[in-house]
N, C-alpha and C. Protein backbone atom coordinates (compact mmCIF):
# COMPACT_ATOMS: atom_id res chain seq x y z
N MET A 1 -25.53 56.37 -38.68
CA MET A 1 -25.90 55.35 -37.73
C MET A 1 -24.80 55.15 -36.70
N ALA A 2 -23.55 55.23 -37.11
CA ALA A 2 -22.43 55.04 -36.19
C ALA A 2 -22.43 56.13 -35.11
N LEU A 3 -22.81 57.36 -35.49
CA LEU A 3 -22.86 58.44 -34.51
C LEU A 3 -23.88 58.14 -33.42
N ARG A 4 -25.04 57.60 -33.82
CA ARG A 4 -26.06 57.25 -32.84
C ARG A 4 -25.54 56.20 -31.87
N GLN A 5 -24.82 55.22 -32.38
CA GLN A 5 -24.29 54.17 -31.51
C GLN A 5 -23.28 54.75 -30.52
N ILE A 6 -22.46 55.68 -30.96
CA ILE A 6 -21.50 56.32 -30.05
C ILE A 6 -22.24 57.04 -28.94
N PHE A 7 -23.26 57.85 -29.32
CA PHE A 7 -24.00 58.59 -28.32
C PHE A 7 -24.80 57.67 -27.40
N ALA A 8 -25.32 56.58 -27.94
CA ALA A 8 -26.09 55.64 -27.13
C ALA A 8 -25.23 55.04 -26.03
N ARG A 9 -23.96 54.81 -26.31
CA ARG A 9 -23.06 54.23 -25.31
C ARG A 9 -22.71 55.24 -24.21
N THR A 10 -22.76 56.52 -24.53
CA THR A 10 -22.33 57.53 -23.55
C THR A 10 -23.49 58.17 -22.80
N TRP A 11 -24.70 57.75 -23.05
CA TRP A 11 -25.85 58.42 -22.45
C TRP A 11 -26.85 57.40 -21.96
N THR A 12 -27.36 57.59 -20.74
CA THR A 12 -28.44 56.74 -20.25
C THR A 12 -29.65 57.62 -20.01
N HIS A 13 -30.80 57.03 -20.10
CA HIS A 13 -32.04 57.79 -19.93
C HIS A 13 -32.65 57.55 -18.55
N GLY A 14 -31.89 57.06 -17.60
CA GLY A 14 -32.41 56.77 -16.28
C GLY A 14 -32.62 58.02 -15.45
N LYS A 15 -33.45 57.92 -14.42
CA LYS A 15 -33.70 59.01 -13.48
C LYS A 15 -32.94 58.75 -12.19
N PHE A 16 -32.64 59.77 -11.47
CA PHE A 16 -31.96 59.66 -10.18
C PHE A 16 -32.93 60.11 -9.09
N PRO A 17 -33.64 59.18 -8.43
CA PRO A 17 -34.61 59.56 -7.40
C PRO A 17 -33.93 60.35 -6.28
N GLY A 18 -34.59 61.38 -5.82
CA GLY A 18 -34.05 62.19 -4.73
C GLY A 18 -33.18 63.34 -5.20
N PHE A 19 -32.70 63.29 -6.41
CA PHE A 19 -31.85 64.35 -6.94
C PHE A 19 -32.51 65.01 -8.16
N ARG A 20 -33.80 64.89 -8.23
CA ARG A 20 -34.55 65.29 -9.42
C ARG A 20 -34.26 66.71 -9.88
N SER A 21 -34.35 67.69 -9.01
CA SER A 21 -34.25 69.07 -9.47
C SER A 21 -32.87 69.40 -10.04
N VAL A 22 -31.81 68.98 -9.38
CA VAL A 22 -30.47 69.30 -9.84
C VAL A 22 -30.06 68.44 -11.02
N TYR A 23 -30.18 67.13 -10.87
CA TYR A 23 -29.68 66.23 -11.90
C TYR A 23 -30.55 66.20 -13.15
N ASP A 24 -31.89 66.30 -13.00
CA ASP A 24 -32.74 66.29 -14.19
C ASP A 24 -32.45 67.50 -15.07
N GLU A 25 -32.21 68.67 -14.45
CA GLU A 25 -31.87 69.85 -15.24
C GLU A 25 -30.57 69.64 -15.99
N ARG A 26 -29.58 69.07 -15.31
CA ARG A 26 -28.30 68.81 -15.97
C ARG A 26 -28.45 67.78 -17.07
N LEU A 27 -29.25 66.73 -16.81
CA LEU A 27 -29.47 65.71 -17.83
C LEU A 27 -30.17 66.30 -19.05
N THR A 28 -31.14 67.19 -18.80
CA THR A 28 -31.84 67.84 -19.91
C THR A 28 -30.87 68.69 -20.72
N ASP A 29 -29.99 69.44 -20.04
CA ASP A 29 -29.00 70.25 -20.75
C ASP A 29 -28.06 69.37 -21.57
N VAL A 30 -27.63 68.26 -20.99
CA VAL A 30 -26.75 67.34 -21.70
C VAL A 30 -27.47 66.75 -22.91
N ALA A 31 -28.74 66.39 -22.73
CA ALA A 31 -29.51 65.81 -23.84
C ALA A 31 -29.66 66.83 -24.97
N ARG A 32 -29.93 68.09 -24.63
CA ARG A 32 -30.04 69.12 -25.66
C ARG A 32 -28.72 69.30 -26.40
N ALA A 33 -27.64 69.36 -25.64
CA ALA A 33 -26.32 69.53 -26.25
C ALA A 33 -25.99 68.33 -27.14
N ARG A 34 -26.31 67.14 -26.66
CA ARG A 34 -26.05 65.93 -27.43
C ARG A 34 -26.85 65.95 -28.73
N GLY A 35 -28.12 66.35 -28.63
CA GLY A 35 -28.96 66.42 -29.83
C GLY A 35 -28.46 67.45 -30.82
N ALA A 36 -28.05 68.62 -30.32
CA ALA A 36 -27.52 69.66 -31.20
C ALA A 36 -26.24 69.20 -31.88
N LEU A 37 -25.36 68.55 -31.11
CA LEU A 37 -24.11 68.05 -31.67
C LEU A 37 -24.38 66.98 -32.73
N PHE A 38 -25.31 66.09 -32.44
CA PHE A 38 -25.66 65.04 -33.40
C PHE A 38 -26.17 65.66 -34.70
N CYS A 39 -27.04 66.68 -34.59
CA CYS A 39 -27.58 67.32 -35.78
C CYS A 39 -26.48 68.01 -36.58
N GLN A 40 -25.53 68.66 -35.88
CA GLN A 40 -24.42 69.31 -36.58
C GLN A 40 -23.56 68.29 -37.30
N LEU A 41 -23.23 67.20 -36.62
CA LEU A 41 -22.40 66.17 -37.24
C LEU A 41 -23.12 65.54 -38.43
N ARG A 42 -24.42 65.31 -38.28
CA ARG A 42 -25.19 64.72 -39.37
C ARG A 42 -25.22 65.65 -40.57
N SER A 43 -25.37 66.96 -40.31
CA SER A 43 -25.42 67.90 -41.44
C SER A 43 -24.07 68.00 -42.14
N LEU A 44 -22.97 67.81 -41.42
CA LEU A 44 -21.65 67.86 -42.04
C LEU A 44 -21.42 66.68 -42.97
N THR A 45 -22.07 65.55 -42.69
CA THR A 45 -21.84 64.35 -43.49
C THR A 45 -22.95 64.10 -44.50
N SER A 46 -23.92 64.99 -44.58
CA SER A 46 -25.08 64.75 -45.45
C SER A 46 -25.00 65.59 -46.72
N ASP A 47 -24.92 64.92 -47.86
CA ASP A 47 -24.95 65.62 -49.14
C ASP A 47 -26.30 66.29 -49.36
N GLU A 48 -27.38 65.63 -48.86
CA GLU A 48 -28.72 66.16 -49.05
C GLU A 48 -28.88 67.51 -48.37
N SER A 49 -28.42 67.63 -47.11
CA SER A 49 -28.60 68.90 -46.41
C SER A 49 -27.75 69.98 -47.04
N SER A 50 -26.55 69.66 -47.55
CA SER A 50 -25.73 70.69 -48.17
C SER A 50 -26.38 71.17 -49.46
N SER A 51 -27.05 70.29 -50.20
CA SER A 51 -27.74 70.73 -51.41
C SER A 51 -28.96 71.58 -51.05
N GLU A 52 -29.66 71.25 -49.95
CA GLU A 52 -30.78 72.08 -49.49
C GLU A 52 -30.29 73.46 -49.10
N GLU A 53 -29.15 73.52 -48.41
CA GLU A 53 -28.58 74.81 -48.02
C GLU A 53 -28.19 75.62 -49.24
N LYS A 54 -27.64 74.97 -50.24
CA LYS A 54 -27.24 75.66 -51.47
C LYS A 54 -28.48 76.19 -52.19
N LEU A 55 -29.54 75.36 -52.29
CA LEU A 55 -30.78 75.81 -52.92
C LEU A 55 -31.36 77.02 -52.19
N ALA A 56 -31.36 76.97 -50.87
CA ALA A 56 -31.91 78.07 -50.08
C ALA A 56 -31.08 79.33 -50.27
N ALA A 57 -29.76 79.20 -50.28
CA ALA A 57 -28.89 80.36 -50.49
C ALA A 57 -29.11 80.95 -51.88
N ASP A 58 -29.21 80.09 -52.89
CA ASP A 58 -29.46 80.55 -54.26
C ASP A 58 -30.81 81.25 -54.36
N ALA A 59 -31.83 80.69 -53.72
CA ALA A 59 -33.17 81.28 -53.76
C ALA A 59 -33.18 82.65 -53.09
N ALA A 60 -32.47 82.77 -51.97
CA ALA A 60 -32.40 84.06 -51.27
C ALA A 60 -31.72 85.10 -52.15
N ARG A 61 -30.68 84.69 -52.87
CA ARG A 61 -29.97 85.61 -53.77
C ARG A 61 -30.84 86.01 -54.95
N ARG A 62 -31.60 85.06 -55.49
CA ARG A 62 -32.41 85.31 -56.68
C ARG A 62 -33.73 86.01 -56.37
N HIS A 63 -34.14 86.02 -55.11
CA HIS A 63 -35.45 86.57 -54.75
C HIS A 63 -35.61 87.99 -55.29
N ASN A 64 -36.61 88.17 -56.13
CA ASN A 64 -36.86 89.46 -56.76
C ASN A 64 -38.36 89.70 -56.72
N ARG A 65 -38.77 90.72 -55.99
CA ARG A 65 -40.20 90.99 -55.83
C ARG A 65 -40.87 91.42 -57.14
N ASP A 66 -40.09 91.93 -58.10
CA ASP A 66 -40.67 92.42 -59.35
C ASP A 66 -40.89 91.32 -60.38
N LYS A 67 -40.27 90.18 -60.17
CA LYS A 67 -40.34 89.08 -61.14
C LYS A 67 -41.20 87.96 -60.55
N PRO A 68 -42.19 87.45 -61.30
CA PRO A 68 -43.04 86.39 -60.74
C PRO A 68 -42.26 85.09 -60.53
N ASN A 69 -42.53 84.44 -59.39
CA ASN A 69 -41.91 83.14 -59.12
C ASN A 69 -42.84 82.03 -59.60
N VAL A 70 -42.41 80.79 -59.43
CA VAL A 70 -43.18 79.66 -59.96
C VAL A 70 -44.59 79.59 -59.35
N PHE A 71 -44.74 79.91 -58.07
CA PHE A 71 -46.07 79.85 -57.46
C PHE A 71 -46.98 80.95 -58.01
N GLN A 72 -46.43 82.13 -58.26
CA GLN A 72 -47.24 83.20 -58.86
C GLN A 72 -47.65 82.82 -60.28
N LYS A 73 -46.78 82.10 -60.99
CA LYS A 73 -47.13 81.64 -62.34
C LYS A 73 -48.20 80.55 -62.30
N ILE A 74 -48.20 79.74 -61.26
CA ILE A 74 -49.26 78.73 -61.09
C ILE A 74 -50.59 79.43 -60.80
N ILE A 75 -50.57 80.43 -59.93
CA ILE A 75 -51.79 81.18 -59.60
C ILE A 75 -52.36 81.85 -60.85
N SER A 76 -51.50 82.44 -61.67
CA SER A 76 -51.96 83.15 -62.87
C SER A 76 -52.37 82.20 -64.00
N GLY A 77 -51.99 80.92 -63.88
CA GLY A 77 -52.33 79.95 -64.91
C GLY A 77 -51.26 79.79 -65.98
N ASP A 78 -50.15 80.50 -65.84
CA ASP A 78 -49.05 80.38 -66.81
C ASP A 78 -48.37 79.02 -66.73
N ILE A 79 -48.39 78.41 -65.54
CA ILE A 79 -47.84 77.07 -65.34
C ILE A 79 -48.96 76.19 -64.81
N GLN A 80 -49.10 75.00 -65.38
CA GLN A 80 -50.13 74.06 -64.93
C GLN A 80 -49.66 73.32 -63.68
N ALA A 81 -50.60 73.03 -62.80
CA ALA A 81 -50.31 72.25 -61.59
C ALA A 81 -51.44 71.24 -61.39
N ASP A 82 -51.14 70.18 -60.67
CA ASP A 82 -52.15 69.17 -60.33
C ASP A 82 -52.93 69.70 -59.12
N THR A 83 -53.85 70.62 -59.38
CA THR A 83 -54.60 71.31 -58.34
C THR A 83 -55.65 70.38 -57.74
N ILE A 84 -55.68 70.34 -56.39
CA ILE A 84 -56.69 69.50 -55.73
C ILE A 84 -57.67 70.32 -54.89
N TYR A 85 -57.35 71.62 -54.69
CA TYR A 85 -58.26 72.50 -53.94
C TYR A 85 -58.00 73.92 -54.40
N GLU A 86 -59.09 74.70 -54.46
CA GLU A 86 -58.95 76.08 -54.88
C GLU A 86 -60.11 76.88 -54.32
N ASP A 87 -59.84 78.07 -53.80
CA ASP A 87 -60.89 79.01 -53.42
C ASP A 87 -60.38 80.42 -53.69
N GLU A 88 -61.13 81.43 -53.25
CA GLU A 88 -60.76 82.81 -53.56
C GLU A 88 -59.49 83.28 -52.84
N GLN A 89 -59.09 82.60 -51.77
CA GLN A 89 -57.92 83.02 -51.00
C GLN A 89 -56.66 82.20 -51.26
N CYS A 90 -56.83 80.95 -51.67
CA CYS A 90 -55.65 80.09 -51.81
C CYS A 90 -55.91 78.94 -52.77
N MET A 91 -54.86 78.17 -53.02
CA MET A 91 -54.99 76.95 -53.81
C MET A 91 -54.03 75.91 -53.28
N ALA A 92 -54.33 74.64 -53.56
CA ALA A 92 -53.49 73.52 -53.12
C ALA A 92 -53.26 72.60 -54.31
N PHE A 93 -52.02 72.13 -54.43
CA PHE A 93 -51.67 71.26 -55.55
C PHE A 93 -50.57 70.30 -55.12
N ARG A 94 -50.39 69.25 -55.90
CA ARG A 94 -49.37 68.24 -55.60
C ARG A 94 -47.98 68.79 -55.90
N ASP A 95 -47.04 68.49 -55.00
CA ASP A 95 -45.65 68.91 -55.19
C ASP A 95 -45.04 68.09 -56.33
N VAL A 96 -44.25 68.73 -57.18
CA VAL A 96 -43.63 68.02 -58.31
C VAL A 96 -42.43 67.18 -57.85
N ASN A 97 -41.90 67.45 -56.67
CA ASN A 97 -40.80 66.67 -56.09
C ASN A 97 -41.21 66.18 -54.71
N PRO A 98 -42.13 65.22 -54.63
CA PRO A 98 -42.65 64.80 -53.32
C PRO A 98 -41.59 64.11 -52.46
N VAL A 99 -41.68 64.36 -51.15
CA VAL A 99 -40.79 63.71 -50.18
C VAL A 99 -41.51 62.59 -49.43
N ALA A 100 -42.77 62.37 -49.77
CA ALA A 100 -43.58 61.33 -49.13
C ALA A 100 -44.66 60.92 -50.14
N PRO A 101 -45.36 59.82 -49.87
CA PRO A 101 -46.43 59.41 -50.79
C PRO A 101 -47.46 60.51 -51.07
N THR A 102 -47.76 61.31 -50.06
CA THR A 102 -48.64 62.47 -50.24
C THR A 102 -47.85 63.71 -49.87
N HIS A 103 -47.75 64.64 -50.82
CA HIS A 103 -47.04 65.90 -50.58
C HIS A 103 -47.78 66.99 -51.34
N ILE A 104 -48.54 67.78 -50.59
CA ILE A 104 -49.37 68.84 -51.16
C ILE A 104 -48.81 70.19 -50.73
N ILE A 105 -48.85 71.17 -51.63
CA ILE A 105 -48.44 72.54 -51.34
C ILE A 105 -49.70 73.40 -51.28
N VAL A 106 -49.86 74.18 -50.21
CA VAL A 106 -50.98 75.11 -50.07
C VAL A 106 -50.38 76.52 -50.12
N ILE A 107 -50.86 77.34 -51.06
CA ILE A 107 -50.31 78.69 -51.22
C ILE A 107 -51.43 79.73 -51.18
N PRO A 108 -51.16 80.90 -50.61
CA PRO A 108 -52.14 81.98 -50.68
C PRO A 108 -52.06 82.65 -52.05
N ARG A 109 -53.15 83.20 -52.50
CA ARG A 109 -53.12 83.97 -53.75
C ARG A 109 -52.40 85.30 -53.53
N LYS A 110 -52.49 85.82 -52.33
CA LYS A 110 -51.79 87.07 -51.99
C LYS A 110 -50.29 86.80 -51.96
N PRO A 111 -49.48 87.61 -52.64
CA PRO A 111 -48.03 87.36 -52.67
C PRO A 111 -47.32 87.82 -51.39
N ILE A 112 -47.20 86.91 -50.43
CA ILE A 112 -46.43 87.15 -49.21
C ILE A 112 -45.15 86.33 -49.36
N PRO A 113 -43.97 86.97 -49.36
CA PRO A 113 -42.73 86.22 -49.60
C PRO A 113 -42.46 85.11 -48.58
N CYS A 114 -42.65 85.40 -47.30
CA CYS A 114 -42.38 84.40 -46.27
C CYS A 114 -43.14 84.78 -45.00
N LEU A 115 -43.24 83.85 -44.09
CA LEU A 115 -44.00 84.07 -42.86
C LEU A 115 -43.48 85.27 -42.09
N SER A 116 -42.16 85.44 -42.04
CA SER A 116 -41.59 86.56 -41.27
C SER A 116 -41.94 87.92 -41.88
N GLU A 117 -42.42 87.94 -43.11
CA GLU A 117 -42.83 89.20 -43.73
C GLU A 117 -44.35 89.37 -43.73
N SER A 118 -45.06 88.45 -43.09
CA SER A 118 -46.51 88.61 -42.96
C SER A 118 -46.78 89.66 -41.88
N THR A 119 -47.99 90.19 -41.88
CA THR A 119 -48.37 91.20 -40.89
C THR A 119 -49.55 90.68 -40.07
N ASP A 120 -49.89 91.43 -39.04
CA ASP A 120 -51.04 91.05 -38.22
C ASP A 120 -52.32 90.99 -39.05
N SER A 121 -52.41 91.82 -40.08
CA SER A 121 -53.62 91.80 -40.92
C SER A 121 -53.71 90.53 -41.77
N ASP A 122 -52.60 89.77 -41.86
CA ASP A 122 -52.61 88.51 -42.60
C ASP A 122 -53.08 87.33 -41.74
N ALA A 123 -53.36 87.56 -40.47
CA ALA A 123 -53.74 86.47 -39.56
C ALA A 123 -54.92 85.65 -40.07
N PRO A 124 -56.01 86.27 -40.56
CA PRO A 124 -57.11 85.44 -41.07
C PRO A 124 -56.69 84.55 -42.26
N LEU A 125 -55.85 85.08 -43.13
CA LEU A 125 -55.37 84.29 -44.27
C LEU A 125 -54.48 83.14 -43.80
N LEU A 126 -53.60 83.40 -42.84
CA LEU A 126 -52.74 82.34 -42.31
C LEU A 126 -53.57 81.24 -41.65
N GLY A 127 -54.60 81.64 -40.92
CA GLY A 127 -55.50 80.65 -40.33
C GLY A 127 -56.23 79.85 -41.39
N HIS A 128 -56.62 80.53 -42.46
CA HIS A 128 -57.30 79.85 -43.57
C HIS A 128 -56.39 78.81 -44.22
N LEU A 129 -55.10 79.13 -44.35
CA LEU A 129 -54.15 78.17 -44.92
C LEU A 129 -54.11 76.89 -44.08
N MET A 130 -54.15 77.04 -42.75
CA MET A 130 -54.15 75.86 -41.88
C MET A 130 -55.44 75.06 -42.03
N THR A 131 -56.56 75.77 -42.17
CA THR A 131 -57.84 75.10 -42.37
C THR A 131 -57.84 74.33 -43.69
N VAL A 132 -57.30 74.94 -44.72
CA VAL A 132 -57.21 74.27 -46.02
C VAL A 132 -56.27 73.07 -45.93
N ALA A 133 -55.17 73.21 -45.19
CA ALA A 133 -54.24 72.08 -45.00
C ALA A 133 -54.99 70.90 -44.38
N ARG A 134 -55.83 71.18 -43.38
CA ARG A 134 -56.63 70.12 -42.75
C ARG A 134 -57.60 69.50 -43.75
N LYS A 135 -58.27 70.34 -44.55
CA LYS A 135 -59.21 69.83 -45.56
C LYS A 135 -58.51 68.97 -46.60
N VAL A 136 -57.34 69.42 -47.03
CA VAL A 136 -56.57 68.67 -48.03
C VAL A 136 -56.15 67.31 -47.46
N ALA A 137 -55.72 67.30 -46.19
CA ALA A 137 -55.34 66.03 -45.55
C ALA A 137 -56.54 65.09 -45.50
N ALA A 138 -57.73 65.63 -45.24
CA ALA A 138 -58.93 64.79 -45.23
C ALA A 138 -59.25 64.28 -46.63
N LEU A 139 -59.13 65.15 -47.64
CA LEU A 139 -59.37 64.73 -49.03
C LEU A 139 -58.41 63.61 -49.45
N GLU A 140 -57.18 63.68 -48.96
CA GLU A 140 -56.16 62.68 -49.31
C GLU A 140 -56.22 61.46 -48.39
N GLU A 141 -57.18 61.46 -47.46
CA GLU A 141 -57.41 60.35 -46.52
C GLU A 141 -56.17 60.04 -45.68
N LEU A 142 -55.56 61.08 -45.14
CA LEU A 142 -54.40 60.92 -44.26
C LEU A 142 -54.90 60.73 -42.83
N LYS A 143 -55.60 59.64 -42.60
CA LYS A 143 -56.26 59.37 -41.31
C LYS A 143 -55.28 59.07 -40.18
N ASP A 144 -54.09 58.57 -40.51
CA ASP A 144 -53.11 58.22 -39.48
C ASP A 144 -52.22 59.39 -39.09
N GLY A 145 -52.43 60.55 -39.70
CA GLY A 145 -51.66 61.73 -39.37
C GLY A 145 -50.88 62.27 -40.56
N PHE A 146 -50.35 63.45 -40.37
CA PHE A 146 -49.59 64.12 -41.42
C PHE A 146 -48.73 65.19 -40.77
N ARG A 147 -47.83 65.76 -41.55
CA ARG A 147 -46.95 66.81 -41.05
C ARG A 147 -47.20 68.08 -41.86
N ILE A 148 -47.20 69.21 -41.14
CA ILE A 148 -47.30 70.53 -41.76
C ILE A 148 -45.91 71.16 -41.65
N VAL A 149 -45.39 71.66 -42.78
CA VAL A 149 -44.07 72.30 -42.78
C VAL A 149 -44.19 73.65 -43.47
N MET A 150 -43.56 74.66 -42.86
CA MET A 150 -43.48 75.98 -43.47
C MET A 150 -42.05 76.48 -43.27
N ASN A 151 -41.31 76.63 -44.34
CA ASN A 151 -39.93 77.11 -44.27
C ASN A 151 -39.92 78.63 -44.36
N ASP A 152 -38.97 79.27 -43.68
CA ASP A 152 -38.91 80.73 -43.69
C ASP A 152 -37.46 81.18 -43.84
N GLY A 153 -37.17 81.83 -44.95
CA GLY A 153 -35.86 82.42 -45.17
C GLY A 153 -34.76 81.41 -45.45
N ARG A 154 -33.56 81.94 -45.56
CA ARG A 154 -32.40 81.12 -45.94
C ARG A 154 -32.13 80.01 -44.93
N HIS A 155 -32.08 80.35 -43.64
CA HIS A 155 -31.78 79.33 -42.63
C HIS A 155 -32.92 78.33 -42.47
N GLY A 156 -34.11 78.70 -42.88
CA GLY A 156 -35.23 77.77 -42.87
C GLY A 156 -35.31 76.94 -44.15
N SER A 157 -34.33 77.11 -45.03
CA SER A 157 -34.25 76.40 -46.32
C SER A 157 -35.45 76.69 -47.22
N GLN A 158 -35.92 77.94 -47.19
CA GLN A 158 -37.00 78.32 -48.10
C GLN A 158 -36.41 78.43 -49.51
N SER A 159 -37.00 77.74 -50.47
CA SER A 159 -36.46 77.74 -51.83
C SER A 159 -37.31 78.54 -52.81
N ILE A 160 -38.55 78.86 -52.44
CA ILE A 160 -39.42 79.70 -53.27
C ILE A 160 -39.99 80.78 -52.36
N TYR A 161 -39.74 82.04 -52.70
CA TYR A 161 -40.15 83.14 -51.85
C TYR A 161 -41.59 83.58 -52.14
N HIS A 162 -42.48 82.66 -51.86
CA HIS A 162 -43.92 82.88 -51.82
C HIS A 162 -44.39 81.97 -50.69
N LEU A 163 -44.94 82.54 -49.64
CA LEU A 163 -45.34 81.76 -48.48
C LEU A 163 -46.10 80.52 -48.92
N HIS A 164 -45.76 79.38 -48.36
CA HIS A 164 -46.46 78.14 -48.70
C HIS A 164 -46.36 77.14 -47.56
N VAL A 165 -47.34 76.26 -47.52
CA VAL A 165 -47.43 75.23 -46.48
C VAL A 165 -47.33 73.87 -47.16
N HIS A 166 -46.44 73.03 -46.66
CA HIS A 166 -46.33 71.66 -47.15
C HIS A 166 -47.22 70.78 -46.27
N VAL A 167 -48.06 69.96 -46.87
CA VAL A 167 -48.84 68.94 -46.17
C VAL A 167 -48.24 67.61 -46.62
N ILE A 168 -47.59 66.91 -45.69
CA ILE A 168 -46.83 65.71 -46.02
C ILE A 168 -47.37 64.53 -45.22
N GLY A 169 -47.65 63.43 -45.89
CA GLY A 169 -48.17 62.26 -45.19
C GLY A 169 -48.09 61.00 -46.02
N GLY A 170 -48.75 59.96 -45.53
CA GLY A 170 -48.77 58.70 -46.23
C GLY A 170 -47.69 57.74 -45.78
N ARG A 171 -46.90 58.13 -44.79
CA ARG A 171 -45.86 57.27 -44.22
C ARG A 171 -45.52 57.79 -42.82
N GLN A 172 -44.78 57.00 -42.07
CA GLN A 172 -44.34 57.42 -40.74
C GLN A 172 -43.27 58.51 -40.88
N MET A 173 -43.49 59.63 -40.22
CA MET A 173 -42.52 60.72 -40.22
C MET A 173 -41.46 60.46 -39.15
N ARG A 174 -40.30 61.01 -39.32
CA ARG A 174 -39.20 60.87 -38.35
C ARG A 174 -38.98 62.19 -37.63
N TRP A 175 -38.32 62.13 -36.48
CA TRP A 175 -37.99 63.33 -35.72
C TRP A 175 -36.55 63.24 -35.27
N PRO A 176 -35.78 64.27 -35.35
CA PRO A 176 -36.14 65.61 -35.82
C PRO A 176 -36.18 65.67 -37.35
N PRO A 177 -37.02 66.58 -37.88
CA PRO A 177 -37.15 66.65 -39.33
C PRO A 177 -35.94 67.25 -40.04
N GLY A 178 -35.18 68.11 -39.39
CA GLY A 178 -34.07 68.74 -40.09
C GLY A 178 -32.90 68.73 -39.25
């Protein structure tokens, strides 16, 4: 909170009539730099983000295509989940560590490690995941809105290497998310 107060004192959101093209571009650059700096400073002081980074780094190290991960075990039925939607292409279930009142995970049955490893032939499946995310949000009565999150790789803080979509709602979301 103190960082926000420091930045609030050094930045105004006013416009300069007549100097729009030059000054607005500079103001936008300053705002971007300020936002990036704030995010870096916040991440340095946040225990939560450092633990997320550690989990992501550990998951990237442990990622093994030959060994089933927790989502593949849920698909096979080896691990039980609170499933709320299922079809031939995907399934949706409640997250065991929710970050909001409603936190649903939508996973494809096809084992795609992450979005960056999907192919053009996966486009219909990826579209179907979004359609299911919308259906799940409707089933959960998230009428005031919801957030869709998909992490990719270590820097995206992906902790399970099976492509998945988080449907998060039931409260006001904040920005920026990370």
